[in-house]
Amino acid sequence: GDSDIISIAGIESYLSQCTTLGDA
């Protein structure tokens, strides 16, 4: 839980949970 390094993979993991955005 204490690993919080900014990364595209990390951002994607949360963006994928956003209901307003589609995969594209």
PDBML (XML) file of the C-alpha atoms, coordinates in Angstrom:
<?xml version="1.0" encoding="UTF-8" ?>
<PDBx:datablock datablockName="MODEL"
   xmlns:PDBx="http://pdbml.pdb.org/schema/pdbx-v50.xsd"
   xmlns:xsi="http://www.w3.org/2001/XMLSchema-instance"
   xsi:schemaLocation="http://pdbml.pdb.org/schema/pdbx-v50.xsd pdbx-v50.xsd">
   <PDBx:atom_siteCategory>
      <PDBx:atom_site id="1">
         <PDBx:B_iso_or_equiv>0.00</PDBx:B_iso_or_equiv>
         <PDBx:Cartn_x>0.000</PDBx:Cartn_x>
         <PDBx:Cartn_y>0.000</PDBx:Cartn_y>
         <PDBx:Cartn_z>0.000</PDBx:Cartn_z>
         <PDBx:auth_asym_id>A</PDBx:auth_asym_id>
         <PDBx:auth_atom_id>CA</PDBx:auth_atom_id>
         <PDBx:auth_comp_id>GLY</PDBx:auth_comp_id>
         <PDBx:auth_seq_id>1</PDBx:auth_seq_id>
         <PDBx:group_PDB>ATOM</PDBx:group_PDB>
         <PDBx:label_alt_id xsi:nil="true" />
         <PDBx:label_asym_id>A</PDBx:label_asym_id>
         <PDBx:label_atom_id>CA</PDBx:label_atom_id>
         <PDBx:label_comp_id>GLY</PDBx:label_comp_id>
         <PDBx:label_entity_id>1</PDBx:label_entity_id>
         <PDBx:label_seq_id>1</PDBx:label_seq_id>
         <PDBx:occupancy>1.00</PDBx:occupancy>
         <PDBx:pdbx_PDB_model_num>1</PDBx:pdbx_PDB_model_num>
         <PDBx:type_symbol>C</PDBx:type_symbol>
      </PDBx:atom_site>
      <PDBx:atom_site id="2">
         <PDBx:B_iso_or_equiv>0.00</PDBx:B_iso_or_equiv>
         <PDBx:Cartn_x>2.855</PDBx:Cartn_x>
         <PDBx:Cartn_y>2.442</PDBx:Cartn_y>
         <PDBx:Cartn_z>0.568</PDBx:Cartn_z>
         <PDBx:auth_asym_id>A</PDBx:auth_asym_id>
         <PDBx:auth_atom_id>CA</PDBx:auth_atom_id>
         <PDBx:auth_comp_id>ASP</PDBx:auth_comp_id>
         <PDBx:auth_seq_id>2</PDBx:auth_seq_id>
         <PDBx:group_PDB>ATOM</PDBx:group_PDB>
         <PDBx:label_alt_id xsi:nil="true" />
         <PDBx:label_asym_id>A</PDBx:label_asym_id>
         <PDBx:label_atom_id>CA</PDBx:label_atom_id>
         <PDBx:label_comp_id>ASP</PDBx:label_comp_id>
         <PDBx:label_entity_id>1</PDBx:label_entity_id>
         <PDBx:label_seq_id>2</PDBx:label_seq_id>
         <PDBx:occupancy>1.00</PDBx:occupancy>
         <PDBx:pdbx_PDB_model_num>1</PDBx:pdbx_PDB_model_num>
         <PDBx:type_symbol>C</PDBx:type_symbol>
      </PDBx:atom_site>
      <PDBx:atom_site id="3">
         <PDBx:B_iso_or_equiv>0.00</PDBx:B_iso_or_equiv>
         <PDBx:Cartn_x>4.054</PDBx:Cartn_x>
         <PDBx:Cartn_y>2.118</PDBx:Cartn_y>
         <PDBx:Cartn_z>-3.048</PDBx:Cartn_z>
         <PDBx:auth_asym_id>A</PDBx:auth_asym_id>
         <PDBx:auth_atom_id>CA</PDBx:auth_atom_id>
         <PDBx:auth_comp_id>SER</PDBx:auth_comp_id>
         <PDBx:auth_seq_id>3</PDBx:auth_seq_id>
         <PDBx:group_PDB>ATOM</PDBx:group_PDB>
         <PDBx:label_alt_id xsi:nil="true" />
         <PDBx:label_asym_id>A</PDBx:label_asym_id>
         <PDBx:label_atom_id>CA</PDBx:label_atom_id>
         <PDBx:label_comp_id>SER</PDBx:label_comp_id>
         <PDBx:label_entity_id>1</PDBx:label_entity_id>
         <PDBx:label_seq_id>3</PDBx:label_seq_id>
         <PDBx:occupancy>1.00</PDBx:occupancy>
         <PDBx:pdbx_PDB_model_num>1</PDBx:pdbx_PDB_model_num>
         <PDBx:type_symbol>C</PDBx:type_symbol>
      </PDBx:atom_site>
      <PDBx:atom_site id="4">
         <PDBx:B_iso_or_equiv>0.00</PDBx:B_iso_or_equiv>
         <PDBx:Cartn_x>2.727</PDBx:Cartn_x>
         <PDBx:Cartn_y>5.206</PDBx:Cartn_y>
         <PDBx:Cartn_z>-4.801</PDBx:Cartn_z>
         <PDBx:auth_asym_id>A</PDBx:auth_asym_id>
         <PDBx:auth_atom_id>CA</PDBx:auth_atom_id>
         <PDBx:auth_comp_id>ASP</PDBx:auth_comp_id>
         <PDBx:auth_seq_id>4</PDBx:auth_seq_id>
         <PDBx:group_PDB>ATOM</PDBx:group_PDB>
         <PDBx:label_alt_id xsi:nil="true" />
         <PDBx:label_asym_id>A</PDBx:label_asym_id>
         <PDBx:label_atom_id>CA</PDBx:label_atom_id>
         <PDBx:label_comp_id>ASP</PDBx:label_comp_id>
         <PDBx:label_entity_id>1</PDBx:label_entity_id>
         <PDBx:label_seq_id>4</PDBx:label_seq_id>
         <PDBx:occupancy>1.00</PDBx:occupancy>
         <PDBx:pdbx_PDB_model_num>1</PDBx:pdbx_PDB_model_num>
         <PDBx:type_symbol>C</PDBx:type_symbol>
      </PDBx:atom_site>
      <PDBx:atom_site id="5">
         <PDBx:B_iso_or_equiv>0.00</PDBx:B_iso_or_equiv>
         <PDBx:Cartn_x>5.109</PDBx:Cartn_x>
         <PDBx:Cartn_y>6.117</PDBx:Cartn_y>
         <PDBx:Cartn_z>-7.599</PDBx:Cartn_z>
         <PDBx:auth_asym_id>A</PDBx:auth_asym_id>
         <PDBx:auth_atom_id>CA</PDBx:auth_atom_id>
         <PDBx:auth_comp_id>ILE</PDBx:auth_comp_id>
         <PDBx:auth_seq_id>5</PDBx:auth_seq_id>
         <PDBx:group_PDB>ATOM</PDBx:group_PDB>
         <PDBx:label_alt_id xsi:nil="true" />
         <PDBx:label_asym_id>A</PDBx:label_asym_id>
         <PDBx:label_atom_id>CA</PDBx:label_atom_id>
         <PDBx:label_comp_id>ILE</PDBx:label_comp_id>
         <PDBx:label_entity_id>1</PDBx:label_entity_id>
         <PDBx:label_seq_id>5</PDBx:label_seq_id>
         <PDBx:occupancy>1.00</PDBx:occupancy>
         <PDBx:pdbx_PDB_model_num>1</PDBx:pdbx_PDB_model_num>
         <PDBx:type_symbol>C</PDBx:type_symbol>
      </PDBx:atom_site>
      <PDBx:atom_site id="6">
         <PDBx:B_iso_or_equiv>0.00</PDBx:B_iso_or_equiv>
         <PDBx:Cartn_x>3.544</PDBx:Cartn_x>
         <PDBx:Cartn_y>8.068</PDBx:Cartn_y>
         <PDBx:Cartn_z>-10.450</PDBx:Cartn_z>
         <PDBx:auth_asym_id>A</PDBx:auth_asym_id>
         <PDBx:auth_atom_id>CA</PDBx:auth_atom_id>
         <PDBx:auth_comp_id>ILE</PDBx:auth_comp_id>
         <PDBx:auth_seq_id>6</PDBx:auth_seq_id>
         <PDBx:group_PDB>ATOM</PDBx:group_PDB>
         <PDBx:label_alt_id xsi:nil="true" />
         <PDBx:label_asym_id>A</PDBx:label_asym_id>
         <PDBx:label_atom_id>CA</PDBx:label_atom_id>
         <PDBx:label_comp_id>ILE</PDBx:label_comp_id>
         <PDBx:label_entity_id>1</PDBx:label_entity_id>
         <PDBx:label_seq_id>6</PDBx:label_seq_id>
         <PDBx:occupancy>1.00</PDBx:occupancy>
         <PDBx:pdbx_PDB_model_num>1</PDBx:pdbx_PDB_model_num>
         <PDBx:type_symbol>C</PDBx:type_symbol>
      </PDBx:atom_site>
      <PDBx:atom_site id="7">
         <PDBx:B_iso_or_equiv>0.00</PDBx:B_iso_or_equiv>
         <PDBx:Cartn_x>3.315</PDBx:Cartn_x>
         <PDBx:Cartn_y>5.836</PDBx:Cartn_y>
         <PDBx:Cartn_z>-13.514</PDBx:Cartn_z>
         <PDBx:auth_asym_id>A</PDBx:auth_asym_id>
         <PDBx:auth_atom_id>CA</PDBx:auth_atom_id>
         <PDBx:auth_comp_id>SER</PDBx:auth_comp_id>
         <PDBx:auth_seq_id>7</PDBx:auth_seq_id>
         <PDBx:group_PDB>ATOM</PDBx:group_PDB>
         <PDBx:label_alt_id xsi:nil="true" />
         <PDBx:label_asym_id>A</PDBx:label_asym_id>
         <PDBx:label_atom_id>CA</PDBx:label_atom_id>
         <PDBx:label_comp_id>SER</PDBx:label_comp_id>
         <PDBx:label_entity_id>1</PDBx:label_entity_id>
         <PDBx:label_seq_id>7</PDBx:label_seq_id>
         <PDBx:occupancy>1.00</PDBx:occupancy>
         <PDBx:pdbx_PDB_model_num>1</PDBx:pdbx_PDB_model_num>
         <PDBx:type_symbol>C</PDBx:type_symbol>
      </PDBx:atom_site>
      <PDBx:atom_site id="8">
         <PDBx:B_iso_or_equiv>0.00</PDBx:B_iso_or_equiv>
         <PDBx:Cartn_x>1.138</PDBx:Cartn_x>
         <PDBx:Cartn_y>5.409</PDBx:Cartn_y>
         <PDBx:Cartn_z>-16.593</PDBx:Cartn_z>
         <PDBx:auth_asym_id>A</PDBx:auth_asym_id>
         <PDBx:auth_atom_id>CA</PDBx:auth_atom_id>
         <PDBx:auth_comp_id>ILE</PDBx:auth_comp_id>
         <PDBx:auth_seq_id>8</PDBx:auth_seq_id>
         <PDBx:group_PDB>ATOM</PDBx:group_PDB>
         <PDBx:label_alt_id xsi:nil="true" />
         <PDBx:label_asym_id>A</PDBx:label_asym_id>
         <PDBx:label_atom_id>CA</PDBx:label_atom_id>
         <PDBx:label_comp_id>ILE</PDBx:label_comp_id>
         <PDBx:label_entity_id>1</PDBx:label_entity_id>
         <PDBx:label_seq_id>8</PDBx:label_seq_id>
         <PDBx:occupancy>1.00</PDBx:occupancy>
         <PDBx:pdbx_PDB_model_num>1</PDBx:pdbx_PDB_model_num>
         <PDBx:type_symbol>C</PDBx:type_symbol>
      </PDBx:atom_site>
      <PDBx:atom_site id="9">
         <PDBx:B_iso_or_equiv>0.00</PDBx:B_iso_or_equiv>
         <PDBx:Cartn_x>0.184</PDBx:Cartn_x>
         <PDBx:Cartn_y>1.922</PDBx:Cartn_y>
         <PDBx:Cartn_z>-15.372</PDBx:Cartn_z>
         <PDBx:auth_asym_id>A</PDBx:auth_asym_id>
         <PDBx:auth_atom_id>CA</PDBx:auth_atom_id>
         <PDBx:auth_comp_id>ALA</PDBx:auth_comp_id>
         <PDBx:auth_seq_id>9</PDBx:auth_seq_id>
         <PDBx:group_PDB>ATOM</PDBx:group_PDB>
         <PDBx:label_alt_id xsi:nil="true" />
         <PDBx:label_asym_id>A</PDBx:label_asym_id>
         <PDBx:label_atom_id>CA</PDBx:label_atom_id>
         <PDBx:label_comp_id>ALA</PDBx:label_comp_id>
         <PDBx:label_entity_id>1</PDBx:label_entity_id>
         <PDBx:label_seq_id>9</PDBx:label_seq_id>
         <PDBx:occupancy>1.00</PDBx:occupancy>
         <PDBx:pdbx_PDB_model_num>1</PDBx:pdbx_PDB_model_num>
         <PDBx:type_symbol>C</PDBx:type_symbol>
      </PDBx:atom_site>
      <PDBx:atom_site id="10">
         <PDBx:B_iso_or_equiv>0.00</PDBx:B_iso_or_equiv>
         <PDBx:Cartn_x>-0.853</PDBx:Cartn_x>
         <PDBx:Cartn_y>3.328</PDBx:Cartn_y>
         <PDBx:Cartn_z>-11.999</PDBx:Cartn_z>
         <PDBx:auth_asym_id>A</PDBx:auth_asym_id>
         <PDBx:auth_atom_id>CA</PDBx:auth_atom_id>
         <PDBx:auth_comp_id>GLY</PDBx:auth_comp_id>
         <PDBx:auth_seq_id>10</PDBx:auth_seq_id>
         <PDBx:group_PDB>ATOM</PDBx:group_PDB>
         <PDBx:label_alt_id xsi:nil="true" />
         <PDBx:label_asym_id>A</PDBx:label_asym_id>
         <PDBx:label_atom_id>CA</PDBx:label_atom_id>
         <PDBx:label_comp_id>GLY</PDBx:label_comp_id>
         <PDBx:label_entity_id>1</PDBx:label_entity_id>
         <PDBx:label_seq_id>10</PDBx:label_seq_id>
         <PDBx:occupancy>1.00</PDBx:occupancy>
         <PDBx:pdbx_PDB_model_num>1</PDBx:pdbx_PDB_model_num>
         <PDBx:type_symbol>C</PDBx:type_symbol>
      </PDBx:atom_site>
      <PDBx:atom_site id="11">
         <PDBx:B_iso_or_equiv>0.00</PDBx:B_iso_or_equiv>
         <PDBx:Cartn_x>-2.898</PDBx:Cartn_x>
         <PDBx:Cartn_y>6.106</PDBx:Cartn_y>
         <PDBx:Cartn_z>-13.589</PDBx:Cartn_z>
         <PDBx:auth_asym_id>A</PDBx:auth_asym_id>
         <PDBx:auth_atom_id>CA</PDBx:auth_atom_id>
         <PDBx:auth_comp_id>ILE</PDBx:auth_comp_id>
         <PDBx:auth_seq_id>11</PDBx:auth_seq_id>
         <PDBx:group_PDB>ATOM</PDBx:group_PDB>
         <PDBx:label_alt_id xsi:nil="true" />
         <PDBx:label_asym_id>A</PDBx:label_asym_id>
         <PDBx:label_atom_id>CA</PDBx:label_atom_id>
         <PDBx:label_comp_id>ILE</PDBx:label_comp_id>
         <PDBx:label_entity_id>1</PDBx:label_entity_id>
         <PDBx:label_seq_id>11</PDBx:label_seq_id>
         <PDBx:occupancy>1.00</PDBx:occupancy>
         <PDBx:pdbx_PDB_model_num>1</PDBx:pdbx_PDB_model_num>
         <PDBx:type_symbol>C</PDBx:type_symbol>
      </PDBx:atom_site>
      <PDBx:atom_site id="12">
         <PDBx:B_iso_or_equiv>0.00</PDBx:B_iso_or_equiv>
         <PDBx:Cartn_x>-4.561</PDBx:Cartn_x>
         <PDBx:Cartn_y>3.604</PDBx:Cartn_y>
         <PDBx:Cartn_z>-15.929</PDBx:Cartn_z>
         <PDBx:auth_asym_id>A</PDBx:auth_asym_id>
         <PDBx:auth_atom_id>CA</PDBx:auth_atom_id>
         <PDBx:auth_comp_id>GLU</PDBx:auth_comp_id>
         <PDBx:auth_seq_id>12</PDBx:auth_seq_id>
         <PDBx:group_PDB>ATOM</PDBx:group_PDB>
         <PDBx:label_alt_id xsi:nil="true" />
         <PDBx:label_asym_id>A</PDBx:label_asym_id>
         <PDBx:label_atom_id>CA</PDBx:label_atom_id>
         <PDBx:label_comp_id>GLU</PDBx:label_comp_id>
         <PDBx:label_entity_id>1</PDBx:label_entity_id>
         <PDBx:label_seq_id>12</PDBx:label_seq_id>
         <PDBx:occupancy>1.00</PDBx:occupancy>
         <PDBx:pdbx_PDB_model_num>1</PDBx:pdbx_PDB_model_num>
         <PDBx:type_symbol>C</PDBx:type_symbol>
      </PDBx:atom_site>
      <PDBx:atom_site id="13">
         <PDBx:B_iso_or_equiv>0.00</PDBx:B_iso_or_equiv>
         <PDBx:Cartn_x>-5.574</PDBx:Cartn_x>
         <PDBx:Cartn_y>1.341</PDBx:Cartn_y>
         <PDBx:Cartn_z>-13.056</PDBx:Cartn_z>
         <PDBx:auth_asym_id>A</PDBx:auth_asym_id>
         <PDBx:auth_atom_id>CA</PDBx:auth_atom_id>
         <PDBx:auth_comp_id>SER</PDBx:auth_comp_id>
         <PDBx:auth_seq_id>13</PDBx:auth_seq_id>
         <PDBx:group_PDB>ATOM</PDBx:group_PDB>
         <PDBx:label_alt_id xsi:nil="true" />
         <PDBx:label_asym_id>A</PDBx:label_asym_id>
         <PDBx:label_atom_id>CA</PDBx:label_atom_id>
         <PDBx:label_comp_id>SER</PDBx:label_comp_id>
         <PDBx:label_entity_id>1</PDBx:label_entity_id>
         <PDBx:label_seq_id>13</PDBx:label_seq_id>
         <PDBx:occupancy>1.00</PDBx:occupancy>
         <PDBx:pdbx_PDB_model_num>1</PDBx:pdbx_PDB_model_num>
         <PDBx:type_symbol>C</PDBx:type_symbol>
      </PDBx:atom_site>
      <PDBx:atom_site id="14">
         <PDBx:B_iso_or_equiv>0.00</PDBx:B_iso_or_equiv>
         <PDBx:Cartn_x>-7.683</PDBx:Cartn_x>
         <PDBx:Cartn_y>4.164</PDBx:Cartn_y>
         <PDBx:Cartn_z>-11.608</PDBx:Cartn_z>
         <PDBx:auth_asym_id>A</PDBx:auth_asym_id>
         <PDBx:auth_atom_id>CA</PDBx:auth_atom_id>
         <PDBx:auth_comp_id>TYR</PDBx:auth_comp_id>
         <PDBx:auth_seq_id>14</PDBx:auth_seq_id>
         <PDBx:group_PDB>ATOM</PDBx:group_PDB>
         <PDBx:label_alt_id xsi:nil="true" />
         <PDBx:label_asym_id>A</PDBx:label_asym_id>
         <PDBx:label_atom_id>CA</PDBx:label_atom_id>
         <PDBx:label_comp_id>TYR</PDBx:label_comp_id>
         <PDBx:label_entity_id>1</PDBx:label_entity_id>
         <PDBx:label_seq_id>14</PDBx:label_seq_id>
         <PDBx:occupancy>1.00</PDBx:occupancy>
         <PDBx:pdbx_PDB_model_num>1</PDBx:pdbx_PDB_model_num>
         <PDBx:type_symbol>C</PDBx:type_symbol>
      </PDBx:atom_site>
      <PDBx:atom_site id="15">
         <PDBx:B_iso_or_equiv>0.00</PDBx:B_iso_or_equiv>
         <PDBx:Cartn_x>-8.867</PDBx:Cartn_x>
         <PDBx:Cartn_y>5.616</PDBx:Cartn_y>
         <PDBx:Cartn_z>-14.922</PDBx:Cartn_z>
         <PDBx:auth_asym_id>A</PDBx:auth_asym_id>
         <PDBx:auth_atom_id>CA</PDBx:auth_atom_id>
         <PDBx:auth_comp_id>LEU</PDBx:auth_comp_id>
         <PDBx:auth_seq_id>15</PDBx:auth_seq_id>
         <PDBx:group_PDB>ATOM</PDBx:group_PDB>
         <PDBx:label_alt_id xsi:nil="true" />
         <PDBx:label_asym_id>A</PDBx:label_asym_id>
         <PDBx:label_atom_id>CA</PDBx:label_atom_id>
         <PDBx:label_comp_id>LEU</PDBx:label_comp_id>
         <PDBx:label_entity_id>1</PDBx:label_entity_id>
         <PDBx:label_seq_id>15</PDBx:label_seq_id>
         <PDBx:occupancy>1.00</PDBx:occupancy>
         <PDBx:pdbx_PDB_model_num>1</PDBx:pdbx_PDB_model_num>
         <PDBx:type_symbol>C</PDBx:type_symbol>
      </PDBx:atom_site>
      <PDBx:atom_site id="16">
         <PDBx:B_iso_or_equiv>0.00</PDBx:B_iso_or_equiv>
         <PDBx:Cartn_x>-10.284</PDBx:Cartn_x>
         <PDBx:Cartn_y>2.198</PDBx:Cartn_y>
         <PDBx:Cartn_z>-15.777</PDBx:Cartn_z>
         <PDBx:auth_asym_id>A</PDBx:auth_asym_id>
         <PDBx:auth_atom_id>CA</PDBx:auth_atom_id>
         <PDBx:auth_comp_id>SER</PDBx:auth_comp_id>
         <PDBx:auth_seq_id>16</PDBx:auth_seq_id>
         <PDBx:group_PDB>ATOM</PDBx:group_PDB>
         <PDBx:label_alt_id xsi:nil="true" />
         <PDBx:label_asym_id>A</PDBx:label_asym_id>
         <PDBx:label_atom_id>CA</PDBx:label_atom_id>
         <PDBx:label_comp_id>SER</PDBx:label_comp_id>
         <PDBx:label_entity_id>1</PDBx:label_entity_id>
         <PDBx:label_seq_id>16</PDBx:label_seq_id>
         <PDBx:occupancy>1.00</PDBx:occupancy>
         <PDBx:pdbx_PDB_model_num>1</PDBx:pdbx_PDB_model_num>
         <PDBx:type_symbol>C</PDBx:type_symbol>
      </PDBx:atom_site>
      <PDBx:atom_site id="17">
         <PDBx:B_iso_or_equiv>0.00</PDBx:B_iso_or_equiv>
         <PDBx:Cartn_x>-12.541</PDBx:Cartn_x>
         <PDBx:Cartn_y>2.517</PDBx:Cartn_y>
         <PDBx:Cartn_z>-12.730</PDBx:Cartn_z>
         <PDBx:auth_asym_id>A</PDBx:auth_asym_id>
         <PDBx:auth_atom_id>CA</PDBx:auth_atom_id>
         <PDBx:auth_comp_id>GLN</PDBx:auth_comp_id>
         <PDBx:auth_seq_id>17</PDBx:auth_seq_id>
         <PDBx:group_PDB>ATOM</PDBx:group_PDB>
         <PDBx:label_alt_id xsi:nil="true" />
         <PDBx:label_asym_id>A</PDBx:label_asym_id>
         <PDBx:label_atom_id>CA</PDBx:label_atom_id>
         <PDBx:label_comp_id>GLN</PDBx:label_comp_id>
         <PDBx:label_entity_id>1</PDBx:label_entity_id>
         <PDBx:label_seq_id>17</PDBx:label_seq_id>
         <PDBx:occupancy>1.00</PDBx:occupancy>
         <PDBx:pdbx_PDB_model_num>1</PDBx:pdbx_PDB_model_num>
         <PDBx:type_symbol>C</PDBx:type_symbol>
      </PDBx:atom_site>
      <PDBx:atom_site id="18">
         <PDBx:B_iso_or_equiv>0.00</PDBx:B_iso_or_equiv>
         <PDBx:Cartn_x>-13.982</PDBx:Cartn_x>
         <PDBx:Cartn_y>5.855</PDBx:Cartn_y>
         <PDBx:Cartn_z>-13.900</PDBx:Cartn_z>
         <PDBx:auth_asym_id>A</PDBx:auth_asym_id>
         <PDBx:auth_atom_id>CA</PDBx:auth_atom_id>
         <PDBx:auth_comp_id>CYS</PDBx:auth_comp_id>
         <PDBx:auth_seq_id>18</PDBx:auth_seq_id>
         <PDBx:group_PDB>ATOM</PDBx:group_PDB>
         <PDBx:label_alt_id xsi:nil="true" />
         <PDBx:label_asym_id>A</PDBx:label_asym_id>
         <PDBx:label_atom_id>CA</PDBx:label_atom_id>
         <PDBx:label_comp_id>CYS</PDBx:label_comp_id>
         <PDBx:label_entity_id>1</PDBx:label_entity_id>
         <PDBx:label_seq_id>18</PDBx:label_seq_id>
         <PDBx:occupancy>1.00</PDBx:occupancy>
         <PDBx:pdbx_PDB_model_num>1</PDBx:pdbx_PDB_model_num>
         <PDBx:type_symbol>C</PDBx:type_symbol>
      </PDBx:atom_site>
      <PDBx:atom_site id="19">
         <PDBx:B_iso_or_equiv>0.00</PDBx:B_iso_or_equiv>
         <PDBx:Cartn_x>-17.500</PDBx:Cartn_x>
         <PDBx:Cartn_y>5.397</PDBx:Cartn_y>
         <PDBx:Cartn_z>-15.231</PDBx:Cartn_z>
         <PDBx:auth_asym_id>A</PDBx:auth_asym_id>
         <PDBx:auth_atom_id>CA</PDBx:auth_atom_id>
         <PDBx:auth_comp_id>THR</PDBx:auth_comp_id>
         <PDBx:auth_seq_id>19</PDBx:auth_seq_id>
         <PDBx:group_PDB>ATOM</PDBx:group_PDB>
         <PDBx:label_alt_id xsi:nil="true" />
         <PDBx:label_asym_id>A</PDBx:label_asym_id>
         <PDBx:label_atom_id>CA</PDBx:label_atom_id>
         <PDBx:label_comp_id>THR</PDBx:label_comp_id>
         <PDBx:label_entity_id>1</PDBx:label_entity_id>
         <PDBx:label_seq_id>19</PDBx:label_seq_id>
         <PDBx:occupancy>1.00</PDBx:occupancy>
         <PDBx:pdbx_PDB_model_num>1</PDBx:pdbx_PDB_model_num>
         <PDBx:type_symbol>C</PDBx:type_symbol>
      </PDBx:atom_site>
      <PDBx:atom_site id="20">
         <PDBx:B_iso_or_equiv>0.00</PDBx:B_iso_or_equiv>
         <PDBx:Cartn_x>-17.476</PDBx:Cartn_x>
         <PDBx:Cartn_y>8.493</PDBx:Cartn_y>
         <PDBx:Cartn_z>-17.485</PDBx:Cartn_z>
         <PDBx:auth_asym_id>A</PDBx:auth_asym_id>
         <PDBx:auth_atom_id>CA</PDBx:auth_atom_id>
         <PDBx:auth_comp_id>THR</PDBx:auth_comp_id>
         <PDBx:auth_seq_id>20</PDBx:auth_seq_id>
         <PDBx:group_PDB>ATOM</PDBx:group_PDB>
         <PDBx:label_alt_id xsi:nil="true" />
         <PDBx:label_asym_id>A</PDBx:label_asym_id>
         <PDBx:label_atom_id>CA</PDBx:label_atom_id>
         <PDBx:label_comp_id>THR</PDBx:label_comp_id>
         <PDBx:label_entity_id>1</PDBx:label_entity_id>
         <PDBx:label_seq_id>20</PDBx:label_seq_id>
         <PDBx:occupancy>1.00</PDBx:occupancy>
         <PDBx:pdbx_PDB_model_num>1</PDBx:pdbx_PDB_model_num>
         <PDBx:type_symbol>C</PDBx:type_symbol>
      </PDBx:atom_site>
      <PDBx:atom_site id="21">
         <PDBx:B_iso_or_equiv>0.00</PDBx:B_iso_or_equiv>
         <PDBx:Cartn_x>-14.665</PDBx:Cartn_x>
         <PDBx:Cartn_y>7.272</PDBx:Cartn_y>
         <PDBx:Cartn_z>-19.751</PDBx:Cartn_z>
         <PDBx:auth_asym_id>A</PDBx:auth_asym_id>
         <PDBx:auth_atom_id>CA</PDBx:auth_atom_id>
         <PDBx:auth_comp_id>LEU</PDBx:auth_comp_id>
         <PDBx:auth_seq_id>21</PDBx:auth_seq_id>
         <PDBx:group_PDB>ATOM</PDBx:group_PDB>
         <PDBx:label_alt_id xsi:nil="true" />
         <PDBx:label_asym_id>A</PDBx:label_asym_id>
         <PDBx:label_atom_id>CA</PDBx:label_atom_id>
         <PDBx:label_comp_id>LEU</PDBx:label_comp_id>
         <PDBx:label_entity_id>1</PDBx:label_entity_id>
         <PDBx:label_seq_id>21</PDBx:label_seq_id>
         <PDBx:occupancy>1.00</PDBx:occupancy>
         <PDBx:pdbx_PDB_model_num>1</PDBx:pdbx_PDB_model_num>
         <PDBx:type_symbol>C</PDBx:type_symbol>
      </PDBx:atom_site>
      <PDBx:atom_site id="22">
         <PDBx:B_iso_or_equiv>0.00</PDBx:B_iso_or_equiv>
         <PDBx:Cartn_x>-14.705</PDBx:Cartn_x>
         <PDBx:Cartn_y>4.419</PDBx:Cartn_y>
         <PDBx:Cartn_z>-22.253</PDBx:Cartn_z>
         <PDBx:auth_asym_id>A</PDBx:auth_asym_id>
         <PDBx:auth_atom_id>CA</PDBx:auth_atom_id>
         <PDBx:auth_comp_id>GLY</PDBx:auth_comp_id>
         <PDBx:auth_seq_id>22</PDBx:auth_seq_id>
         <PDBx:group_PDB>ATOM</PDBx:group_PDB>
         <PDBx:label_alt_id xsi:nil="true" />
         <PDBx:label_asym_id>A</PDBx:label_asym_id>
         <PDBx:label_atom_id>CA</PDBx:label_atom_id>
         <PDBx:label_comp_id>GLY</PDBx:label_comp_id>
         <PDBx:label_entity_id>1</PDBx:label_entity_id>
         <PDBx:label_seq_id>22</PDBx:label_seq_id>
         <PDBx:occupancy>1.00</PDBx:occupancy>
         <PDBx:pdbx_PDB_model_num>1</PDBx:pdbx_PDB_model_num>
         <PDBx:type_symbol>C</PDBx:type_symbol>
      </PDBx:atom_site>
      <PDBx:atom_site id="23">
         <PDBx:B_iso_or_equiv>0.00</PDBx:B_iso_or_equiv>
         <PDBx:Cartn_x>-11.743</PDBx:Cartn_x>
         <PDBx:Cartn_y>2.238</PDBx:Cartn_y>
         <PDBx:Cartn_z>-23.212</PDBx:Cartn_z>
         <PDBx:auth_asym_id>A</PDBx:auth_asym_id>
         <PDBx:auth_atom_id>CA</PDBx:auth_atom_id>
         <PDBx:auth_comp_id>ASP</PDBx:auth_comp_id>
         <PDBx:auth_seq_id>23</PDBx:auth_seq_id>
         <PDBx:group_PDB>ATOM</PDBx:group_PDB>
         <PDBx:label_alt_id xsi:nil="true" />
         <PDBx:label_asym_id>A</PDBx:label_asym_id>
         <PDBx:label_atom_id>CA</PDBx:label_atom_id>
         <PDBx:label_comp_id>ASP</PDBx:label_comp_id>
         <PDBx:label_entity_id>1</PDBx:label_entity_id>
         <PDBx:label_seq_id>23</PDBx:label_seq_id>
         <PDBx:occupancy>1.00</PDBx:occupancy>
         <PDBx:pdbx_PDB_model_num>1</PDBx:pdbx_PDB_model_num>
         <PDBx:type_symbol>C</PDBx:type_symbol>
      </PDBx:atom_site>
      <PDBx:atom_site id="24">
         <PDBx:B_iso_or_equiv>0.00</PDBx:B_iso_or_equiv>
         <PDBx:Cartn_x>-11.004</PDBx:Cartn_x>
         <PDBx:Cartn_y>4.344</PDBx:Cartn_y>
         <PDBx:Cartn_z>-26.317</PDBx:Cartn_z>
         <PDBx:auth_asym_id>A</PDBx:auth_asym_id>
         <PDBx:auth_atom_id>CA</PDBx:auth_atom_id>
         <PDBx:auth_comp_id>ALA</PDBx:auth_comp_id>
         <PDBx:auth_seq_id>24</PDBx:auth_seq_id>
         <PDBx:group_PDB>ATOM</PDBx:group_PDB>
         <PDBx:label_alt_id xsi:nil="true" />
         <PDBx:label_asym_id>A</PDBx:label_asym_id>
         <PDBx:label_atom_id>CA</PDBx:label_atom_id>
         <PDBx:label_comp_id>ALA</PDBx:label_comp_id>
         <PDBx:label_entity_id>1</PDBx:label_entity_id>
         <PDBx:label_seq_id>24</PDBx:label_seq_id>
         <PDBx:occupancy>1.00</PDBx:occupancy>
         <PDBx:pdbx_PDB_model_num>1</PDBx:pdbx_PDB_model_num>
         <PDBx:type_symbol>C</PDBx:type_symbol>
      </PDBx:atom_site>
   </PDBx:atom_siteCategory>
</PDBx:datablock>
